[in-house]
Amino acid sequence: MPIINLKIVYPDYHSDDFMLEVSEQIAEVFATSFRSEAAYQFRRRYHGATLFFDDSSEDYISKRSNKYPTLEEIFDMQTEKELLYIALSQLPQVQARRVYAHYILGMSKAEIARHEEVNESSIRESIRGGIKNLKNILKSF
């Protein structure tokens, strides 16, 4: 069984090394969490996220305001996303699954066809019909 150091996992709570034997699943959860956090920190550094502003913070924000959405825009995007999921839930199950797989999960139509073991043309037709139905549903909102 793997051994983890709680000082590394919980530095705010453990000032000294504290070794603990855990199951494989728990160790994998911690490893996944560390990888995810490292990827997040890399993306934040790569995209130049600024955590602390100096006296010129207003200038910084005004120069870059076209890059970052306002709170109102974020709220609108969230509302649109919620409406989309409500509309998706009103589609027939097969259409909803295929539209979701193609547009939300990014799967190709060929991948969906292989996964569902059907002809690709039926996937294309189903997605086309699903988009048409979604437009009609969203018009009613």
N, C-alpha and C. Protein backbone atom coordinates (compact mmCIF):
# COMPACT_ATOMS: atom_id res chain seq x y z
N MET A 1 0.84 -1.18 0.00
CA MET A 1 0.00 0.00 0.00
C MET A 1 0.89 1.24 0.00
N PRO A 2 0.50 2.27 -0.75
CA PRO A 2 1.30 3.49 -0.82
C PRO A 2 1.28 4.26 0.51
N ILE A 3 2.33 5.04 0.69
CA ILE A 3 2.44 5.88 1.88
C ILE A 3 2.50 7.33 1.41
N ILE A 4 1.67 8.18 2.03
CA ILE A 4 1.68 9.60 1.70
C ILE A 4 2.13 10.40 2.92
N ASN A 5 2.69 11.56 2.66
CA ASN A 5 3.13 12.45 3.72
C ASN A 5 2.06 13.54 3.87
N LEU A 6 1.40 13.56 5.00
CA LEU A 6 0.32 14.53 5.21
C LEU A 6 0.84 15.96 5.29
N LYS A 7 2.12 16.14 5.56
CA LYS A 7 2.69 17.49 5.57
C LYS A 7 2.64 18.09 4.16
N ILE A 8 2.81 17.24 3.15
CA ILE A 8 2.75 17.70 1.76
C ILE A 8 1.31 17.91 1.33
N VAL A 9 0.44 17.00 1.73
CA VAL A 9 -0.95 17.06 1.30
C VAL A 9 -1.71 18.18 2.01
N TYR A 10 -1.48 18.33 3.31
CA TYR A 10 -2.17 19.34 4.11
C TYR A 10 -1.15 20.21 4.85
N PRO A 11 -0.44 21.08 4.15
CA PRO A 11 0.62 21.87 4.79
C PRO A 11 0.10 22.84 5.86
N ASP A 12 -1.15 23.26 5.77
CA ASP A 12 -1.70 24.17 6.76
C ASP A 12 -1.97 23.49 8.10
N TYR A 13 -2.16 22.19 8.09
CA TYR A 13 -2.53 21.46 9.29
C TYR A 13 -1.38 20.66 9.90
N HIS A 14 -0.40 20.29 9.08
CA HIS A 14 0.71 19.46 9.56
C HIS A 14 2.03 20.18 9.33
N SER A 15 2.69 20.57 10.42
CA SER A 15 3.98 21.24 10.28
C SER A 15 5.13 20.23 10.27
N ASP A 16 4.88 19.04 10.77
CA ASP A 16 5.90 17.99 10.78
C ASP A 16 5.50 16.88 9.83
N ASP A 17 6.50 16.10 9.41
CA ASP A 17 6.21 14.96 8.55
C ASP A 17 5.29 13.98 9.29
N PHE A 18 4.28 13.53 8.60
CA PHE A 18 3.34 12.56 9.17
C PHE A 18 3.00 11.57 8.06
N MET A 19 3.60 10.41 8.11
CA MET A 19 3.43 9.41 7.06
C MET A 19 2.21 8.56 7.35
N LEU A 20 1.42 8.31 6.30
CA LEU A 20 0.18 7.56 6.46
C LEU A 20 0.05 6.57 5.31
N GLU A 21 -0.28 5.34 5.64
CA GLU A 21 -0.48 4.31 4.63
C GLU A 21 -1.93 4.38 4.17
N VAL A 22 -2.13 4.48 2.84
CA VAL A 22 -3.48 4.61 2.28
C VAL A 22 -3.68 3.57 1.19
N SER A 23 -4.92 3.39 0.79
CA SER A 23 -5.22 2.43 -0.28
C SER A 23 -4.78 3.00 -1.63
N GLU A 24 -4.74 2.14 -2.63
CA GLU A 24 -4.35 2.54 -3.98
C GLU A 24 -5.29 3.62 -4.53
N GLN A 25 -6.60 3.47 -4.27
CA GLN A 25 -7.59 4.43 -4.78
C GLN A 25 -7.36 5.82 -4.18
N ILE A 26 -7.11 5.88 -2.88
CA ILE A 26 -6.87 7.16 -2.22
C ILE A 26 -5.60 7.80 -2.76
N ALA A 27 -4.56 7.00 -2.94
CA ALA A 27 -3.30 7.52 -3.48
C ALA A 27 -3.52 8.07 -4.89
N GLU A 28 -4.32 7.40 -5.68
CA GLU A 28 -4.60 7.86 -7.03
C GLU A 28 -5.39 9.17 -7.01
N VAL A 29 -6.31 9.32 -6.07
CA VAL A 29 -7.07 10.57 -5.94
C VAL A 29 -6.12 11.72 -5.63
N PHE A 30 -5.19 11.51 -4.69
CA PHE A 30 -4.22 12.56 -4.36
C PHE A 30 -3.33 12.88 -5.56
N ALA A 31 -2.87 11.84 -6.26
CA ALA A 31 -2.01 12.06 -7.43
C ALA A 31 -2.75 12.84 -8.50
N THR A 32 -4.00 12.49 -8.75
CA THR A 32 -4.81 13.20 -9.74
C THR A 32 -5.00 14.65 -9.33
N SER A 33 -5.25 14.86 -8.06
CA SER A 33 -5.44 16.22 -7.55
C SER A 33 -4.18 17.05 -7.73
N PHE A 34 -3.02 16.47 -7.41
CA PHE A 34 -1.76 17.21 -7.58
C PHE A 34 -1.51 17.53 -9.05
N ARG A 35 -1.78 16.56 -9.94
CA ARG A 35 -1.59 16.82 -11.37
C ARG A 35 -2.53 17.92 -11.86
N SER A 36 -3.76 17.88 -11.40
CA SER A 36 -4.74 18.89 -11.80
C SER A 36 -4.33 20.27 -11.31
N GLU A 37 -3.88 20.36 -10.07
CA GLU A 37 -3.42 21.64 -9.52
C GLU A 37 -2.20 22.15 -10.27
N ALA A 38 -1.26 21.26 -10.61
CA ALA A 38 -0.07 21.66 -11.35
C ALA A 38 -0.45 22.17 -12.74
N ALA A 39 -1.40 21.52 -13.39
CA ALA A 39 -1.86 21.96 -14.71
C ALA A 39 -2.54 23.33 -14.61
N TYR A 40 -3.34 23.52 -13.56
CA TYR A 40 -4.00 24.81 -13.36
C TYR A 40 -2.97 25.91 -13.15
N GLN A 41 -1.96 25.65 -12.31
CA GLN A 41 -0.93 26.65 -12.06
C GLN A 41 -0.15 26.97 -13.34
N PHE A 42 0.12 25.95 -14.15
CA PHE A 42 0.81 26.18 -15.42
C PHE A 42 -0.03 27.06 -16.34
N ARG A 43 -1.33 26.74 -16.47
CA ARG A 43 -2.19 27.55 -17.33
C ARG A 43 -2.26 28.98 -16.83
N ARG A 44 -2.32 29.17 -15.53
CA ARG A 44 -2.39 30.52 -14.96
C ARG A 44 -1.12 31.30 -15.28
N ARG A 45 0.04 30.65 -15.14
CA ARG A 45 1.30 31.32 -15.48
C ARG A 45 1.39 31.58 -16.97
N TYR A 46 1.01 30.58 -17.78
CA TYR A 46 1.12 30.69 -19.23
C TYR A 46 0.28 31.84 -19.78
N HIS A 47 -0.92 32.00 -19.25
CA HIS A 47 -1.82 33.03 -19.75
C HIS A 47 -1.63 34.36 -19.04
N GLY A 48 -0.67 34.45 -18.14
CA GLY A 48 -0.32 35.72 -17.53
C GLY A 48 -1.33 36.24 -16.53
N ALA A 49 -1.92 35.37 -15.75
CA ALA A 49 -2.87 35.83 -14.74
C ALA A 49 -2.15 36.68 -13.72
N THR A 50 -2.72 37.83 -13.40
CA THR A 50 -2.13 38.74 -12.43
C THR A 50 -2.93 38.65 -11.15
N LEU A 51 -2.26 38.32 -10.06
CA LEU A 51 -2.95 38.16 -8.79
C LEU A 51 -2.95 39.44 -7.97
N PHE A 52 -1.88 40.23 -8.09
CA PHE A 52 -1.77 41.43 -7.29
C PHE A 52 -1.60 42.62 -8.20
N PHE A 53 -2.31 43.68 -7.93
CA PHE A 53 -2.23 44.89 -8.73
C PHE A 53 -1.46 45.95 -7.96
N ASP A 54 -0.75 46.77 -8.69
CA ASP A 54 -0.09 47.90 -8.05
C ASP A 54 -0.94 49.15 -8.28
N ASP A 55 -0.32 50.33 -8.17
CA ASP A 55 -1.06 51.58 -8.32
C ASP A 55 -1.63 51.76 -9.73
N SER A 56 -1.04 51.09 -10.70
CA SER A 56 -1.50 51.24 -12.08
C SER A 56 -2.54 50.19 -12.45
N SER A 57 -3.20 49.60 -11.46
CA SER A 57 -4.13 48.52 -11.74
C SER A 57 -5.28 48.96 -12.62
N GLU A 58 -5.75 50.19 -12.44
CA GLU A 58 -6.85 50.67 -13.29
C GLU A 58 -6.40 50.77 -14.73
N ASP A 59 -5.17 51.24 -14.96
CA ASP A 59 -4.65 51.29 -16.32
C ASP A 59 -4.54 49.89 -16.90
N TYR A 60 -4.06 48.97 -16.09
CA TYR A 60 -3.90 47.59 -16.53
C TYR A 60 -5.25 47.01 -16.93
N ILE A 61 -6.25 47.21 -16.10
CA ILE A 61 -7.57 46.67 -16.38
C ILE A 61 -8.19 47.34 -17.59
N SER A 62 -8.05 48.65 -17.70
CA SER A 62 -8.67 49.35 -18.83
C SER A 62 -8.02 48.95 -20.15
N LYS A 63 -6.70 48.69 -20.14
CA LYS A 63 -6.02 48.28 -21.37
C LYS A 63 -6.43 46.88 -21.78
N ARG A 64 -6.72 46.02 -20.81
CA ARG A 64 -7.02 44.63 -21.10
C ARG A 64 -8.49 44.31 -20.98
N SER A 65 -9.33 45.31 -20.80
CA SER A 65 -10.74 45.05 -20.55
C SER A 65 -11.42 44.34 -21.72
N ASN A 66 -10.90 44.51 -22.92
CA ASN A 66 -11.51 43.83 -24.04
C ASN A 66 -11.23 42.33 -24.03
N LYS A 67 -10.27 41.89 -23.21
CA LYS A 67 -9.94 40.47 -23.15
C LYS A 67 -10.77 39.71 -22.13
N TYR A 68 -11.24 40.38 -21.10
CA TYR A 68 -11.91 39.69 -20.01
C TYR A 68 -13.40 40.07 -19.98
N PRO A 69 -14.27 39.09 -19.81
CA PRO A 69 -15.70 39.41 -19.77
C PRO A 69 -16.08 40.12 -18.48
N THR A 70 -17.08 40.97 -18.58
CA THR A 70 -17.59 41.64 -17.40
C THR A 70 -18.47 40.66 -16.62
N LEU A 71 -18.85 41.04 -15.41
CA LEU A 71 -19.73 40.18 -14.62
C LEU A 71 -21.06 39.99 -15.32
N GLU A 72 -21.54 41.02 -15.97
CA GLU A 72 -22.81 40.91 -16.70
C GLU A 72 -22.69 39.91 -17.84
N GLU A 73 -21.56 39.95 -18.56
CA GLU A 73 -21.35 39.00 -19.66
C GLU A 73 -21.24 37.58 -19.13
N ILE A 74 -20.56 37.41 -18.00
CA ILE A 74 -20.44 36.08 -17.39
C ILE A 74 -21.81 35.57 -17.00
N PHE A 75 -22.63 36.43 -16.40
CA PHE A 75 -23.99 36.04 -16.01
C PHE A 75 -24.81 35.66 -17.23
N ASP A 76 -24.71 36.44 -18.30
CA ASP A 76 -25.44 36.14 -19.53
C ASP A 76 -25.01 34.79 -20.12
N MET A 77 -23.70 34.54 -20.12
CA MET A 77 -23.21 33.26 -20.65
C MET A 77 -23.72 32.10 -19.82
N GLN A 78 -23.72 32.27 -18.49
CA GLN A 78 -24.21 31.21 -17.61
C GLN A 78 -25.70 30.96 -17.83
N THR A 79 -26.46 32.04 -17.99
CA THR A 79 -27.89 31.92 -18.25
C THR A 79 -28.15 31.20 -19.57
N GLU A 80 -27.38 31.57 -20.60
CA GLU A 80 -27.54 30.92 -21.90
C GLU A 80 -27.20 29.43 -21.81
N LYS A 81 -26.16 29.11 -21.04
CA LYS A 81 -25.78 27.72 -20.88
C LYS A 81 -26.89 26.93 -20.18
N GLU A 82 -27.49 27.53 -19.14
CA GLU A 82 -28.58 26.87 -18.43
C GLU A 82 -29.78 26.65 -19.36
N LEU A 83 -30.10 27.65 -20.19
CA LEU A 83 -31.21 27.50 -21.14
C LEU A 83 -30.91 26.39 -22.15
N LEU A 84 -29.66 26.31 -22.57
CA LEU A 84 -29.28 25.26 -23.51
C LEU A 84 -29.48 23.88 -22.91
N TYR A 85 -29.07 23.70 -21.66
CA TYR A 85 -29.24 22.40 -21.01
C TYR A 85 -30.72 22.08 -20.78
N ILE A 86 -31.52 23.08 -20.48
CA ILE A 86 -32.97 22.86 -20.35
C ILE A 86 -33.54 22.42 -21.69
N ALA A 87 -33.13 23.11 -22.75
CA ALA A 87 -33.61 22.76 -24.09
C ALA A 87 -33.15 21.35 -24.48
N LEU A 88 -31.89 21.02 -24.16
CA LEU A 88 -31.39 19.67 -24.46
C LEU A 88 -32.21 18.60 -23.76
N SER A 89 -32.65 18.90 -22.54
CA SER A 89 -33.42 17.92 -21.79
C SER A 89 -34.80 17.69 -22.39
N GLN A 90 -35.26 18.61 -23.23
CA GLN A 90 -36.57 18.47 -23.86
C GLN A 90 -36.51 17.72 -25.19
N LEU A 91 -35.31 17.45 -25.67
CA LEU A 91 -35.16 16.68 -26.91
C LEU A 91 -35.40 15.21 -26.62
N PRO A 92 -35.73 14.43 -27.66
CA PRO A 92 -35.77 12.98 -27.49
C PRO A 92 -34.39 12.50 -27.02
N GLN A 93 -34.37 11.45 -26.24
CA GLN A 93 -33.15 11.00 -25.58
C GLN A 93 -32.00 10.73 -26.55
N VAL A 94 -32.31 10.09 -27.67
CA VAL A 94 -31.25 9.76 -28.63
C VAL A 94 -30.67 11.02 -29.25
N GLN A 95 -31.54 11.95 -29.66
CA GLN A 95 -31.05 13.21 -30.23
C GLN A 95 -30.24 13.99 -29.21
N ALA A 96 -30.74 14.08 -27.99
CA ALA A 96 -30.03 14.83 -26.95
C ALA A 96 -28.65 14.24 -26.71
N ARG A 97 -28.57 12.92 -26.64
CA ARG A 97 -27.29 12.26 -26.39
C ARG A 97 -26.30 12.54 -27.53
N ARG A 98 -26.78 12.48 -28.75
CA ARG A 98 -25.90 12.68 -29.90
C ARG A 98 -25.48 14.14 -30.05
N VAL A 99 -26.40 15.07 -29.86
CA VAL A 99 -26.05 16.50 -29.94
C VAL A 99 -25.05 16.84 -28.83
N TYR A 100 -25.30 16.34 -27.63
CA TYR A 100 -24.39 16.59 -26.51
C TYR A 100 -23.01 16.02 -26.79
N ALA A 101 -22.96 14.80 -27.28
CA ALA A 101 -21.67 14.16 -27.56
C ALA A 101 -20.89 14.93 -28.62
N HIS A 102 -21.59 15.40 -29.65
CA HIS A 102 -20.90 16.09 -30.75
C HIS A 102 -20.49 17.51 -30.38
N TYR A 103 -21.42 18.30 -29.85
CA TYR A 103 -21.14 19.71 -29.63
C TYR A 103 -20.56 20.03 -28.25
N ILE A 104 -20.91 19.30 -27.24
CA ILE A 104 -20.40 19.60 -25.90
C ILE A 104 -19.13 18.79 -25.61
N LEU A 105 -19.17 17.50 -25.91
CA LEU A 105 -17.99 16.66 -25.64
C LEU A 105 -16.96 16.71 -26.76
N GLY A 106 -17.36 17.22 -27.94
CA GLY A 106 -16.42 17.36 -29.04
C GLY A 106 -16.13 16.09 -29.81
N MET A 107 -16.98 15.09 -29.68
CA MET A 107 -16.77 13.85 -30.42
C MET A 107 -17.16 14.04 -31.88
N SER A 108 -16.45 13.39 -32.78
CA SER A 108 -16.82 13.45 -34.19
C SER A 108 -18.04 12.55 -34.42
N LYS A 109 -18.70 12.79 -35.53
CA LYS A 109 -19.87 11.98 -35.85
C LYS A 109 -19.48 10.53 -36.09
N ALA A 110 -18.30 10.32 -36.65
CA ALA A 110 -17.81 8.95 -36.87
C ALA A 110 -17.55 8.25 -35.53
N GLU A 111 -17.00 8.97 -34.56
CA GLU A 111 -16.75 8.39 -33.24
C GLU A 111 -18.07 7.99 -32.57
N ILE A 112 -19.06 8.86 -32.68
CA ILE A 112 -20.36 8.56 -32.08
C ILE A 112 -20.96 7.33 -32.74
N ALA A 113 -20.85 7.26 -34.08
CA ALA A 113 -21.39 6.11 -34.82
C ALA A 113 -20.71 4.82 -34.38
N ARG A 114 -19.38 4.85 -34.23
CA ARG A 114 -18.66 3.66 -33.78
C ARG A 114 -19.08 3.28 -32.37
N HIS A 115 -19.22 4.27 -31.51
CA HIS A 115 -19.58 4.01 -30.12
C HIS A 115 -20.98 3.42 -30.00
N GLU A 116 -21.93 3.94 -30.80
CA GLU A 116 -23.31 3.45 -30.74
C GLU A 116 -23.56 2.29 -31.70
N GLU A 117 -22.55 1.96 -32.50
CA GLU A 117 -22.64 0.86 -33.47
C GLU A 117 -23.81 1.05 -34.44
N VAL A 118 -23.87 2.25 -35.00
CA VAL A 118 -24.87 2.57 -36.02
C VAL A 118 -24.16 3.24 -37.20
N ASN A 119 -24.92 3.46 -38.25
CA ASN A 119 -24.39 4.10 -39.44
C ASN A 119 -24.16 5.58 -39.18
N GLU A 120 -23.08 6.14 -39.73
CA GLU A 120 -22.75 7.55 -39.51
C GLU A 120 -23.82 8.48 -40.08
N SER A 121 -24.47 8.07 -41.16
CA SER A 121 -25.51 8.93 -41.75
C SER A 121 -26.69 9.10 -40.79
N SER A 122 -27.00 8.07 -40.01
CA SER A 122 -28.09 8.22 -39.04
C SER A 122 -27.68 9.17 -37.91
N ILE A 123 -26.41 9.19 -37.57
CA ILE A 123 -25.92 10.14 -36.57
C ILE A 123 -26.04 11.56 -37.11
N ARG A 124 -25.60 11.77 -38.35
CA ARG A 124 -25.69 13.11 -38.96
C ARG A 124 -27.14 13.57 -39.02
N GLU A 125 -28.03 12.69 -39.44
CA GLU A 125 -29.45 13.03 -39.54
C GLU A 125 -30.03 13.33 -38.16
N SER A 126 -29.67 12.54 -37.18
CA SER A 126 -30.17 12.75 -35.82
C SER A 126 -29.69 14.08 -35.25
N ILE A 127 -28.42 14.40 -35.46
CA ILE A 127 -27.87 15.67 -34.96
C ILE A 127 -28.51 16.84 -35.68
N ARG A 128 -28.70 16.73 -36.98
CA ARG A 128 -29.34 17.79 -37.75
C ARG A 128 -30.76 18.03 -37.23
N GLY A 129 -31.49 16.96 -37.00
CA GLY A 129 -32.83 17.09 -36.45
C GLY A 129 -32.83 17.65 -35.04
N GLY A 130 -31.84 17.24 -34.24
CA GLY A 130 -31.73 17.75 -32.88
C GLY A 130 -31.47 19.24 -32.85
N ILE A 131 -30.60 19.73 -33.74
CA ILE A 131 -30.31 21.16 -33.81
C ILE A 131 -31.55 21.93 -34.24
N LYS A 132 -32.28 21.37 -35.21
CA LYS A 132 -33.52 22.01 -35.66
C LYS A 132 -34.53 22.09 -34.50
N ASN A 133 -34.67 21.00 -33.76
CA ASN A 133 -35.58 21.00 -32.60
C ASN A 133 -35.10 21.97 -31.52
N LEU A 134 -33.78 22.03 -31.30
CA LEU A 134 -33.25 22.95 -30.29
C LEU A 134 -33.57 24.40 -30.66
N LYS A 135 -33.44 24.74 -31.95
CA LYS A 135 -33.77 26.11 -32.37
C LYS A 135 -35.22 26.43 -32.05
N ASN A 136 -36.11 25.48 -32.34
CA ASN A 136 -37.53 25.73 -32.07
C ASN A 136 -37.80 25.85 -30.57
N ILE A 137 -37.16 25.00 -29.78
CA ILE A 137 -37.36 25.06 -28.33
C ILE A 137 -36.83 26.38 -27.77
N LEU A 138 -35.64 26.78 -28.24
CA LEU A 138 -35.03 28.01 -27.71
C LEU A 138 -35.79 29.26 -28.14
N LYS A 139 -36.47 29.21 -29.29
CA LYS A 139 -37.31 30.35 -29.70
C LYS A 139 -38.46 30.57 -28.73
N SER A 140 -38.94 29.47 -28.12
CA SER A 140 -40.07 29.59 -27.21
C SER A 140 -39.68 30.18 -25.84
N PHE A 141 -38.38 30.23 -25.55
CA PHE A 141 -37.92 30.81 -24.30
C PHE A 141 -37.94 32.29 -24.47
